[in-house]
Amino acid sequence: MTNLDTELEAAAFRRLLVHLRTRTDVQNIDLMISAGFCRNCLADWYREAAAARGVQLGKDAAREHVYGEPFAAWKAKHQPEATPEQLAAFAAAQKKHS
């Protein structure tokens, strides 16, 4: 992998973060159902990448990086409780991809 590859991937990741921050209508559970990952997964992957490089990054700090604000604030503003239909679709998706 070249430095250019890394720069392009980093730019794409930053753009994905901006996109997800503005698409507050798309719930994490919907992302999990459709894509198998959500904003919290991205935060976990970011934290794991930091740890692999010897950088300690807490769960809350990683989530704040992804959400653009503390997770609790984002959740209070944008994340209602999952509907029974969403929960059923999530369970079906988990079975399908397990």
PDB file of N, CA and C in Angstrom:
ATOM      1  N   MET A   1       0.846  -1.181   0.000  1.00  0.00           N
ATOM      2  CA  MET A   1       0.000   0.000   0.000  1.00  0.00           C
ATOM      3  C   MET A   1       0.894   1.248   0.000  1.00  0.00           C
ATOM      4  N   THR A   2       0.564   2.175  -0.852  1.00  0.00           N
ATOM      5  CA  THR A   2       1.355   3.397  -0.950  1.00  0.00           C
ATOM      6  C   THR A   2       0.779   4.473  -0.039  1.00  0.00           C
ATOM      7  N   ASN A   3       1.558   5.529   0.150  1.00  0.00           N
ATOM      8  CA  ASN A   3       1.061   6.673   0.916  1.00  0.00           C
ATOM      9  C   ASN A   3      -0.167   7.267   0.246  1.00  0.00           C
ATOM     10  N   LEU A   4      -0.194   7.264  -1.080  1.00  0.00           N
ATOM     11  CA  LEU A   4      -1.348   7.795  -1.792  1.00  0.00           C
ATOM     12  C   LEU A   4      -2.591   6.956  -1.479  1.00  0.00           C
ATOM     13  N   ASP A   5      -2.451   5.628  -1.469  1.00  0.00           N
ATOM     14  CA  ASP A   5      -3.579   4.764  -1.114  1.00  0.00           C
ATOM     15  C   ASP A   5      -4.104   5.122   0.275  1.00  0.00           C
ATOM     16  N   THR A   6      -3.191   5.268   1.216  1.00  0.00           N
ATOM     17  CA  THR A   6      -3.578   5.601   2.590  1.00  0.00           C
ATOM     18  C   THR A   6      -4.287   6.949   2.646  1.00  0.00           C
ATOM     19  N   GLU A   7      -3.767   7.934   1.927  1.00  0.00           N
ATOM     20  CA  GLU A   7      -4.395   9.264   1.905  1.00  0.00           C
ATOM     21  C   GLU A   7      -5.789   9.209   1.293  1.00  0.00           C
ATOM     22  N   LEU A   8      -5.939   8.457   0.211  1.00  0.00           N
ATOM     23  CA  LEU A   8      -7.248   8.348  -0.440  1.00  0.00           C
ATOM     24  C   LEU A   8      -8.244   7.616   0.454  1.00  0.00           C
ATOM     25  N   GLU A   9      -7.801   6.547   1.097  1.00  0.00           N
ATOM     26  CA  GLU A   9      -8.682   5.817   2.007  1.00  0.00           C
ATOM     27  C   GLU A   9      -9.082   6.689   3.194  1.00  0.00           C
ATOM     28  N   ALA A  10      -8.144   7.454   3.716  1.00  0.00           N
ATOM     29  CA  ALA A  10      -8.450   8.359   4.827  1.00  0.00           C
ATOM     30  C   ALA A  10      -9.463   9.417   4.398  1.00  0.00           C
ATOM     31  N   ALA A  11      -9.308   9.943   3.198  1.00  0.00           N
ATOM     32  CA  ALA A  11     -10.257  10.939   2.691  1.00  0.00           C
ATOM     33  C   ALA A  11     -11.640  10.330   2.519  1.00  0.00           C
ATOM     34  N   ALA A  12     -11.692   9.106   2.008  1.00  0.00           N
ATOM     35  CA  ALA A  12     -12.983   8.433   1.842  1.00  0.00           C
ATOM     36  C   ALA A  12     -13.624   8.173   3.208  1.00  0.00           C
ATOM     37  N   PHE A  13     -12.839   7.778   4.192  1.00  0.00           N
ATOM     38  CA  PHE A  13     -13.362   7.542   5.532  1.00  0.00           C
ATOM     39  C   PHE A  13     -13.906   8.839   6.134  1.00  0.00           C
ATOM     40  N   ARG A  14     -13.162   9.930   5.976  1.00  0.00           N
ATOM     41  CA  ARG A  14     -13.653  11.216   6.496  1.00  0.00           C
ATOM     42  C   ARG A  14     -14.962  11.604   5.824  1.00  0.00           C
ATOM     43  N   ARG A  15     -15.064  11.362   4.533  1.00  0.00           N
ATOM     44  CA  ARG A  15     -16.309  11.680   3.823  1.00  0.00           C
ATOM     45  C   ARG A  15     -17.458  10.792   4.311  1.00  0.00           C
ATOM     46  N   LEU A  16     -17.176   9.520   4.568  1.00  0.00           N
ATOM     47  CA  LEU A  16     -18.196   8.626   5.126  1.00  0.00           C
ATOM     48  C   LEU A  16     -18.672   9.143   6.476  1.00  0.00           C
ATOM     49  N   LEU A  17     -17.758   9.593   7.320  1.00  0.00           N
ATOM     50  CA  LEU A  17     -18.151  10.134   8.619  1.00  0.00           C
ATOM     51  C   LEU A  17     -19.066  11.345   8.458  1.00  0.00           C
ATOM     52  N   VAL A  18     -18.717  12.256   7.574  1.00  0.00           N
ATOM     53  CA  VAL A  18     -19.557  13.433   7.339  1.00  0.00           C
ATOM     54  C   VAL A  18     -20.929  12.996   6.844  1.00  0.00           C
ATOM     55  N   HIS A  19     -20.950  12.051   5.936  1.00  0.00           N
ATOM     56  CA  HIS A  19     -22.213  11.556   5.396  1.00  0.00           C
ATOM     57  C   HIS A  19     -23.084  10.962   6.506  1.00  0.00           C
ATOM     58  N   LEU A  20     -22.495  10.123   7.342  1.00  0.00           N
ATOM     59  CA  LEU A  20     -23.263   9.503   8.413  1.00  0.00           C
ATOM     60  C   LEU A  20     -23.709  10.507   9.471  1.00  0.00           C
ATOM     61  N   ARG A  21     -22.917  11.551   9.680  1.00  0.00           N
ATOM     62  CA  ARG A  21     -23.313  12.589  10.643  1.00  0.00           C
ATOM     63  C   ARG A  21     -24.495  13.395  10.139  1.00  0.00           C
ATOM     64  N   THR A  22     -24.592  13.559   8.829  1.00  0.00           N
ATOM     65  CA  THR A  22     -25.707  14.339   8.273  1.00  0.00           C
ATOM     66  C   THR A  22     -26.941  13.484   8.020  1.00  0.00           C
ATOM     67  N   ARG A  23     -26.764  12.183   7.895  1.00  0.00           N
ATOM     68  CA  ARG A  23     -27.898  11.272   7.647  1.00  0.00           C
ATOM     69  C   ARG A  23     -28.407  10.706   8.969  1.00  0.00           C
ATOM     70  N   THR A  24     -28.855  11.601   9.817  1.00  0.00           N
ATOM     71  CA  THR A  24     -29.352  11.182  11.121  1.00  0.00           C
ATOM     72  C   THR A  24     -30.672  10.422  11.014  1.00  0.00           C
ATOM     73  N   ASP A  25     -31.300  10.456   9.839  1.00  0.00           N
ATOM     74  CA  ASP A  25     -32.532   9.694   9.626  1.00  0.00           C
ATOM     75  C   ASP A  25     -32.248   8.204   9.475  1.00  0.00           C
ATOM     76  N   VAL A  26     -31.016   7.850   9.174  1.00  0.00           N
ATOM     77  CA  VAL A  26     -30.639   6.447   9.022  1.00  0.00           C
ATOM     78  C   VAL A  26     -30.171   5.952  10.390  1.00  0.00           C
ATOM     79  N   GLN A  27     -30.949   5.054  10.950  1.00  0.00           N
ATOM     80  CA  GLN A  27     -30.658   4.537  12.279  1.00  0.00           C
ATOM     81  C   GLN A  27     -29.564   3.470  12.226  1.00  0.00           C
ATOM     82  N   ASN A  28     -28.847   3.331  13.337  1.00  0.00           N
ATOM     83  CA  ASN A  28     -27.810   2.304  13.419  1.00  0.00           C
ATOM     84  C   ASN A  28     -28.376   0.915  13.154  1.00  0.00           C
ATOM     85  N   ILE A  29     -29.553   0.625  13.675  1.00  0.00           N
ATOM     86  CA  ILE A  29     -30.120  -0.712  13.474  1.00  0.00           C
ATOM     87  C   ILE A  29     -30.409  -0.946  11.990  1.00  0.00           C
ATOM     88  N   ASP A  30     -30.809   0.104  11.281  1.00  0.00           N
ATOM     89  CA  ASP A  30     -31.046  -0.034   9.838  1.00  0.00           C
ATOM     90  C   ASP A  30     -29.740  -0.324   9.099  1.00  0.00           C
ATOM     91  N   LEU A  31     -28.678   0.335   9.514  1.00  0.00           N
ATOM     92  CA  LEU A  31     -27.368   0.049   8.926  1.00  0.00           C
ATOM     93  C   LEU A  31     -26.954  -1.389   9.211  1.00  0.00           C
ATOM     94  N   MET A  32     -27.196  -1.849  10.429  1.00  0.00           N
ATOM     95  CA  MET A  32     -26.841  -3.220  10.786  1.00  0.00           C
ATOM     96  C   MET A  32     -27.636  -4.221   9.956  1.00  0.00           C
ATOM     97  N   ILE A  33     -28.910  -3.947   9.749  1.00  0.00           N
ATOM     98  CA  ILE A  33     -29.758  -4.848   8.972  1.00  0.00           C
ATOM     99  C   ILE A  33     -29.272  -4.909   7.528  1.00  0.00           C
ATOM    100  N   SER A  34     -29.011  -3.752   6.950  1.00  0.00           N
ATOM    101  CA  SER A  34     -28.677  -3.675   5.524  1.00  0.00           C
ATOM    102  C   SER A  34     -27.217  -3.970   5.211  1.00  0.00           C
ATOM    103  N   ALA A  35     -26.329  -3.455   6.053  1.00  0.00           N
ATOM    104  CA  ALA A  35     -24.905  -3.516   5.714  1.00  0.00           C
ATOM    105  C   ALA A  35     -24.073  -4.369   6.663  1.00  0.00           C
ATOM    106  N   GLY A  36     -24.635  -4.725   7.807  1.00  0.00           N
ATOM    107  CA  GLY A  36     -23.880  -5.533   8.752  1.00  0.00           C
ATOM    108  C   GLY A  36     -22.901  -4.753   9.606  1.00  0.00           C
ATOM    109  N   PHE A  37     -22.981  -3.437   9.554  1.00  0.00           N
ATOM    110  CA  PHE A  37     -22.163  -2.583  10.421  1.00  0.00           C
ATOM    111  C   PHE A  37     -22.913  -1.293  10.676  1.00  0.00           C
ATOM    112  N   CYS A  38     -22.485  -0.561  11.703  1.00  0.00           N
ATOM    113  CA  CYS A  38     -23.122   0.718  12.015  1.00  0.00           C
ATOM    114  C   CYS A  38     -22.059   1.706  12.486  1.00  0.00           C
ATOM    115  N   ARG A  39     -22.499   2.849  12.939  1.00  0.00           N
ATOM    116  CA  ARG A  39     -21.573   3.867  13.420  1.00  0.00           C
ATOM    117  C   ARG A  39     -20.737   3.343  14.583  1.00  0.00           C
ATOM    118  N   ASN A  40     -21.357   2.568  15.470  1.00  0.00           N
ATOM    119  CA  ASN A  40     -20.615   2.025  16.605  1.00  0.00           C
ATOM    120  C   ASN A  40     -19.532   1.058  16.135  1.00  0.00           C
ATOM    121  N   CYS A  41     -19.814   0.287  15.097  1.00  0.00           N
ATOM    122  CA  CYS A  41     -18.797  -0.601  14.532  1.00  0.00           C
ATOM    123  C   CYS A  41     -17.615   0.217  14.014  1.00  0.00           C
ATOM    124  N   LEU A  42     -17.903   1.307  13.314  1.00  0.00           N
ATOM    125  CA  LEU A  42     -16.825   2.165  12.814  1.00  0.00           C
ATOM    126  C   LEU A  42     -15.981   2.684  13.969  1.00  0.00           C
ATOM    127  N   ALA A  43     -16.638   3.080  15.056  1.00  0.00           N
ATOM    128  CA  ALA A  43     -15.906   3.565  16.229  1.00  0.00           C
ATOM    129  C   ALA A  43     -15.037   2.459  16.815  1.00  0.00           C
ATOM    130  N   ASP A  44     -15.566   1.242  16.868  1.00  0.00           N
ATOM    131  CA  ASP A  44     -14.775   0.116  17.375  1.00  0.00           C
ATOM    132  C   ASP A  44     -13.575  -0.144  16.478  1.00  0.00           C
ATOM    133  N   TRP A  45     -13.782  -0.119  15.162  1.00  0.00           N
ATOM    134  CA  TRP A  45     -12.677  -0.341  14.225  1.00  0.00           C
ATOM    135  C   TRP A  45     -11.633   0.760  14.343  1.00  0.00           C
ATOM    136  N   TYR A  46     -12.069   1.990  14.549  1.00  0.00           N
ATOM    137  CA  TYR A  46     -11.161   3.119  14.723  1.00  0.00           C
ATOM    138  C   TYR A  46     -10.322   2.916  15.990  1.00  0.00           C
ATOM    139  N   ARG A  47     -10.983   2.509  17.067  1.00  0.00           N
ATOM    140  CA  ARG A  47     -10.298   2.261  18.340  1.00  0.00           C
ATOM    141  C   ARG A  47      -9.315   1.101  18.193  1.00  0.00           C
ATOM    142  N   GLU A  48      -9.699   0.041  17.504  1.00  0.00           N
ATOM    143  CA  GLU A  48      -8.813  -1.105  17.274  1.00  0.00           C
ATOM    144  C   GLU A  48      -7.592  -0.702  16.444  1.00  0.00           C
ATOM    145  N   ALA A  49      -7.804   0.162  15.457  1.00  0.00           N
ATOM    146  CA  ALA A  49      -6.678   0.646  14.644  1.00  0.00           C
ATOM    147  C   ALA A  49      -5.715   1.451  15.505  1.00  0.00           C
ATOM    148  N   ALA A  50      -6.266   2.254  16.407  1.00  0.00           N
ATOM    149  CA  ALA A  50      -5.411   3.026  17.318  1.00  0.00           C
ATOM    150  C   ALA A  50      -4.613   2.082  18.215  1.00  0.00           C
ATOM    151  N   ALA A  51      -5.285   1.090  18.783  1.00  0.00           N
ATOM    152  CA  ALA A  51      -4.611   0.144  19.675  1.00  0.00           C
ATOM    153  C   ALA A  51      -3.506  -0.609  18.949  1.00  0.00           C
ATOM    154  N   ALA A  52      -3.741  -0.961  17.684  1.00  0.00           N
ATOM    155  CA  ALA A  52      -2.730  -1.674  16.898  1.00  0.00           C
ATOM    156  C   ALA A  52      -1.476  -0.829  16.698  1.00  0.00           C
ATOM    157  N   ARG A  53      -1.624   0.468  16.841  1.00  0.00           N
ATOM    158  CA  ARG A  53      -0.485   1.379  16.696  1.00  0.00           C
ATOM    159  C   ARG A  53       0.002   1.898  18.045  1.00  0.00           C
ATOM    160  N   GLY A  54      -0.460   1.249  19.116  1.00  0.00           N
ATOM    161  CA  GLY A  54       0.005   1.610  20.454  1.00  0.00           C
ATOM    162  C   GLY A  54      -0.648   2.840  21.048  1.00  0.00           C
ATOM    163  N   VAL A  55      -1.761   3.275  20.457  1.00  0.00           N
ATOM    164  CA  VAL A  55      -2.468   4.460  20.944  1.00  0.00           C
ATOM    165  C   VAL A  55      -3.699   4.015  21.724  1.00  0.00           C
ATOM    166  N   GLN A  56      -3.778   4.441  22.966  1.00  0.00           N
ATOM    167  CA  GLN A  56      -4.940   4.119  23.784  1.00  0.00           C
ATOM    168  C   GLN A  56      -6.053   5.115  23.485  1.00  0.00           C
ATOM    169  N   LEU A  57      -7.195   4.601  23.079  1.00  0.00           N
ATOM    170  CA  LEU A  57      -8.349   5.437  22.759  1.00  0.00           C
ATOM    171  C   LEU A  57      -9.558   4.757  23.374  1.00  0.00           C
ATOM    172  N   GLY A  58     -10.247   5.474  24.228  1.00  0.00           N
ATOM    173  CA  GLY A  58     -11.404   4.904  24.890  1.00  0.00           C
ATOM    174  C   GLY A  58     -12.604   4.789  23.954  1.00  0.00           C
ATOM    175  N   LYS A  59     -13.549   3.959  24.374  1.00  0.00           N
ATOM    176  CA  LYS A  59     -14.766   3.731  23.597  1.00  0.00           C
ATOM    177  C   LYS A  59     -15.524   5.041  23.369  1.00  0.00           C
ATOM    178  N   ASP A  60     -15.666   5.842  24.415  1.00  0.00           N
ATOM    179  CA  ASP A  60     -16.404   7.101  24.284  1.00  0.00           C
ATOM    180  C   ASP A  60     -15.711   8.071  23.338  1.00  0.00           C
ATOM    181  N   ALA A  61     -14.384   8.147  23.414  1.00  0.00           N
ATOM    182  CA  ALA A  61     -13.631   9.042  22.524  1.00  0.00           C
ATOM    183  C   ALA A  61     -13.744   8.591  21.072  1.00  0.00           C
ATOM    184  N   ALA A  62     -13.685   7.292  20.849  1.00  0.00           N
ATOM    185  CA  ALA A  62     -13.808   6.777  19.482  1.00  0.00           C
ATOM    186  C   ALA A  62     -15.198   7.061  18.933  1.00  0.00           C
ATOM    187  N   ARG A  63     -16.229   6.862  19.748  1.00  0.00           N
ATOM    188  CA  ARG A  63     -17.587   7.141  19.291  1.00  0.00           C
ATOM    189  C   ARG A  63     -17.773   8.633  19.020  1.00  0.00           C
ATOM    190  N   GLU A  64     -17.203   9.477  19.850  1.00  0.00           N
ATOM    191  CA  GLU A  64     -17.318  10.918  19.613  1.00  0.00           C
ATOM    192  C   GLU A  64     -16.657  11.293  18.288  1.00  0.00           C
ATOM    193  N   HIS A  65     -15.554  10.637  17.966  1.00  0.00           N
ATOM    194  CA  HIS A  65     -14.893  10.903  16.681  1.00  0.00           C
ATOM    195  C   HIS A  65     -15.819  10.542  15.518  1.00  0.00           C
ATOM    196  N   VAL A  66     -16.501   9.426  15.615  1.00  0.00           N
ATOM    197  CA  VAL A  66     -17.379   8.974  14.537  1.00  0.00           C
ATOM    198  C   VAL A  66     -18.659   9.804  14.482  1.00  0.00           C
ATOM    199  N   TYR A  67     -19.280  10.041  15.618  1.00  0.00           N
ATOM    200  CA  TYR A  67     -20.560  10.752  15.658  1.00  0.00           C
ATOM    201  C   TYR A  67     -20.409  12.273  15.527  1.00  0.00           C
ATOM    202  N   GLY A  68     -19.234  12.791  15.816  1.00  0.00           N
ATOM    203  CA  GLY A  68     -19.029  14.237  15.757  1.00  0.00           C
ATOM    204  C   GLY A  68     -19.503  14.950  17.004  1.00  0.00           C
ATOM    205  N   GLU A  69     -19.907  14.198  17.999  1.00  0.00           N
ATOM    206  CA  GLU A  69     -20.351  14.715  19.293  1.00  0.00           C
ATOM    207  C   GLU A  69     -20.429  13.517  20.242  1.00  0.00           C
ATOM    208  N   PRO A  70     -20.559  13.776  21.537  1.00  0.00           N
ATOM    209  CA  PRO A  70     -20.687  12.631  22.444  1.00  0.00           C
ATOM    210  C   PRO A  70     -21.860  11.738  22.038  1.00  0.00           C
ATOM    211  N   PHE A  71     -21.651  10.430  22.123  1.00  0.00           N
ATOM    212  CA  PHE A  71     -22.660   9.471  21.702  1.00  0.00           C
ATOM    213  C   PHE A  71     -23.985   9.698  22.416  1.00  0.00           C
ATOM    214  N   ALA A  72     -23.948   9.958  23.702  1.00  0.00           N
ATOM    215  CA  ALA A  72     -25.192  10.148  24.461  1.00  0.00           C
ATOM    216  C   ALA A  72     -25.997  11.316  23.905  1.00  0.00           C
ATOM    217  N   ALA A  73     -25.324  12.383  23.508  1.00  0.00           N
ATOM    218  CA  ALA A  73     -26.027  13.540  22.943  1.00  0.00           C
ATOM    219  C   ALA A  73     -26.634  13.182  21.586  1.00  0.00           C
ATOM    220  N   TRP A  74     -25.860  12.506  20.746  1.00  0.00           N
ATOM    221  CA  TRP A  74     -26.369  12.105  19.430  1.00  0.00           C
ATOM    222  C   TRP A  74     -27.564  11.177  19.588  1.00  0.00           C
ATOM    223  N   LYS A  75     -27.426  10.207  20.481  1.00  0.00           N
ATOM    224  CA  LYS A  75     -28.487   9.232  20.698  1.00  0.00           C
ATOM    225  C   LYS A  75     -29.773   9.910  21.176  1.00  0.00           C
ATOM    226  N   ALA A  76     -29.648  10.847  22.093  1.00  0.00           N
ATOM    227  CA  ALA A  76     -30.823  11.549  22.613  1.00  0.00           C
ATOM    228  C   ALA A  76     -31.532  12.350  21.521  1.00  0.00           C
ATOM    229  N   LYS A  77     -30.759  12.898  20.595  1.00  0.00           N
ATOM    230  CA  LYS A  77     -31.343  13.724  19.536  1.00  0.00           C
ATOM    231  C   LYS A  77     -31.869  12.919  18.352  1.00  0.00           C
ATOM    232  N   HIS A  78     -31.214  11.799  18.037  1.00  0.00           N
ATOM    233  CA  HIS A  78     -31.465  11.165  16.746  1.00  0.00           C
ATOM    234  C   HIS A  78     -31.843   9.688  16.766  1.00  0.00           C
ATOM    235  N   GLN A  79     -31.740   9.017  17.899  1.00  0.00           N
ATOM    236  CA  GLN A  79     -31.922   7.570  17.876  1.00  0.00           C
ATOM    237  C   GLN A  79     -33.092   7.138  18.760  1.00  0.00           C
ATOM    238  N   PRO A  80     -34.258   6.979  18.160  1.00  0.00           N
ATOM    239  CA  PRO A  80     -35.395   6.475  18.934  1.00  0.00           C
ATOM    240  C   PRO A  80     -35.218   4.981  19.212  1.00  0.00           C
ATOM    241  N   GLU A  81     -36.052   4.460  20.074  1.00  0.00           N
ATOM    242  CA  GLU A  81     -36.029   3.023  20.340  1.00  0.00           C
ATOM    243  C   GLU A  81     -36.344   2.271  19.048  1.00  0.00           C
ATOM    244  N   ALA A  82     -35.707   1.133  18.895  1.00  0.00           N
ATOM    245  CA  ALA A  82     -35.964   0.305  17.712  1.00  0.00           C
ATOM    246  C   ALA A  82     -37.399  -0.216  17.753  1.00  0.00           C
ATOM    247  N   THR A  83     -38.011  -0.251  16.594  1.00  0.00           N
ATOM    248  CA  THR A  83     -39.378  -0.761  16.496  1.00  0.00           C
ATOM    249  C   THR A  83     -39.352  -2.288  16.518  1.00  0.00           C
ATOM    250  N   PRO A  84     -40.484  -2.910  16.819  1.00  0.00           N
ATOM    251  CA  PRO A  84     -40.528  -4.371  16.742  1.00  0.00           C
ATOM    252  C   PRO A  84     -40.151  -4.886  15.349  1.00  0.00           C
ATOM    253  N   GLU A  85     -40.534  -4.161  14.318  1.00  0.00           N
ATOM    254  CA  GLU A  85     -40.195  -4.564  12.949  1.00  0.00           C
ATOM    255  C   GLU A  85     -38.683  -4.497  12.722  1.00  0.00           C
ATOM    256  N   GLN A  86     -38.046  -3.455  13.215  1.00  0.00           N
ATOM    257  CA  GLN A  86     -36.596  -3.341  13.079  1.00  0.00           C
ATOM    258  C   GLN A  86     -35.887  -4.466  13.840  1.00  0.00           C
ATOM    259  N   LEU A  87     -36.357  -4.743  15.040  1.00  0.00           N
ATOM    260  CA  LEU A  87     -35.747  -5.807  15.834  1.00  0.00           C
ATOM    261  C   LEU A  87     -35.891  -7.171  15.157  1.00  0.00           C
ATOM    262  N   ALA A  88     -37.061  -7.415  14.568  1.00  0.00           N
ATOM    263  CA  ALA A  88     -37.278  -8.678  13.855  1.00  0.00           C
ATOM    264  C   ALA A  88     -36.375  -8.762  12.622  1.00  0.00           C
ATOM    265  N   ALA A  89     -36.263  -7.664  11.881  1.00  0.00           N
ATOM    266  CA  ALA A  89     -35.396  -7.647  10.698  1.00  0.00           C
ATOM    267  C   ALA A  89     -33.935  -7.832  11.094  1.00  0.00           C
ATOM    268  N   PHE A  90     -33.546  -7.235  12.203  1.00  0.00           N
ATOM    269  CA  PHE A  90     -32.178  -7.389  12.700  1.00  0.00           C
ATOM    270  C   PHE A  90     -31.902  -8.847  13.067  1.00  0.00           C
ATOM    271  N   ALA A  91     -32.825  -9.469  13.774  1.00  0.00           N
ATOM    272  CA  ALA A  91     -32.666 -10.874  14.152  1.00  0.00           C
ATOM    273  C   ALA A  91     -32.564 -11.769  12.921  1.00  0.00           C
ATOM    274  N   ALA A  92     -33.393 -11.487  11.920  1.00  0.00           N
ATOM    275  CA  ALA A  92     -33.351 -12.270  10.672  1.00  0.00           C
ATOM    276  C   ALA A  92     -32.017 -12.067   9.955  1.00  0.00           C
ATOM    277  N   ALA A  93     -31.530 -10.843   9.926  1.00  0.00           N
ATOM    278  CA  ALA A  93     -30.260 -10.557   9.267  1.00  0.00           C
ATOM    279  C   ALA A  93     -29.110 -11.256   9.992  1.00  0.00           C
ATOM    280  N   GLN A  94     -29.166 -11.285  11.319  1.00  0.00           N
ATOM    281  CA  GLN A  94     -28.117 -11.953  12.091  1.00  0.00           C
ATOM    282  C   GLN A  94     -28.091 -13.438  11.768  1.00  0.00           C
ATOM    283  N   LYS A  95     -29.260 -14.065  11.692  1.00  0.00           N
ATOM    284  CA  LYS A  95     -29.323 -15.483  11.375  1.00  0.00           C
ATOM    285  C   LYS A  95     -28.796 -15.754   9.971  1.00  0.00           C
ATOM    286  N   LYS A  96     -29.157 -14.885   9.040  1.00  0.00           N
ATOM    287  CA  LYS A  96     -28.757 -15.059   7.641  1.00  0.00           C
ATOM    288  C   LYS A  96     -27.249 -14.975   7.461  1.00  0.00           C
ATOM    289  N   HIS A  97     -26.607 -14.108   8.236  1.00  0.00           N
ATOM    290  CA  HIS A  97     -25.185 -13.850   8.039  1.00  0.00           C
ATOM    291  C   HIS A  97     -24.302 -14.501   9.094  1.00  0.00           C
ATOM    292  N   SER A  98     -24.870 -15.351   9.916  1.00  0.00           N
ATOM    293  CA  SER A  98     -24.068 -16.027  10.951  1.00  0.00           C
ATOM    294  C   SER A  98     -23.372 -17.241  10.397  1.00  0.00           C
TER     295      SER A  98
END
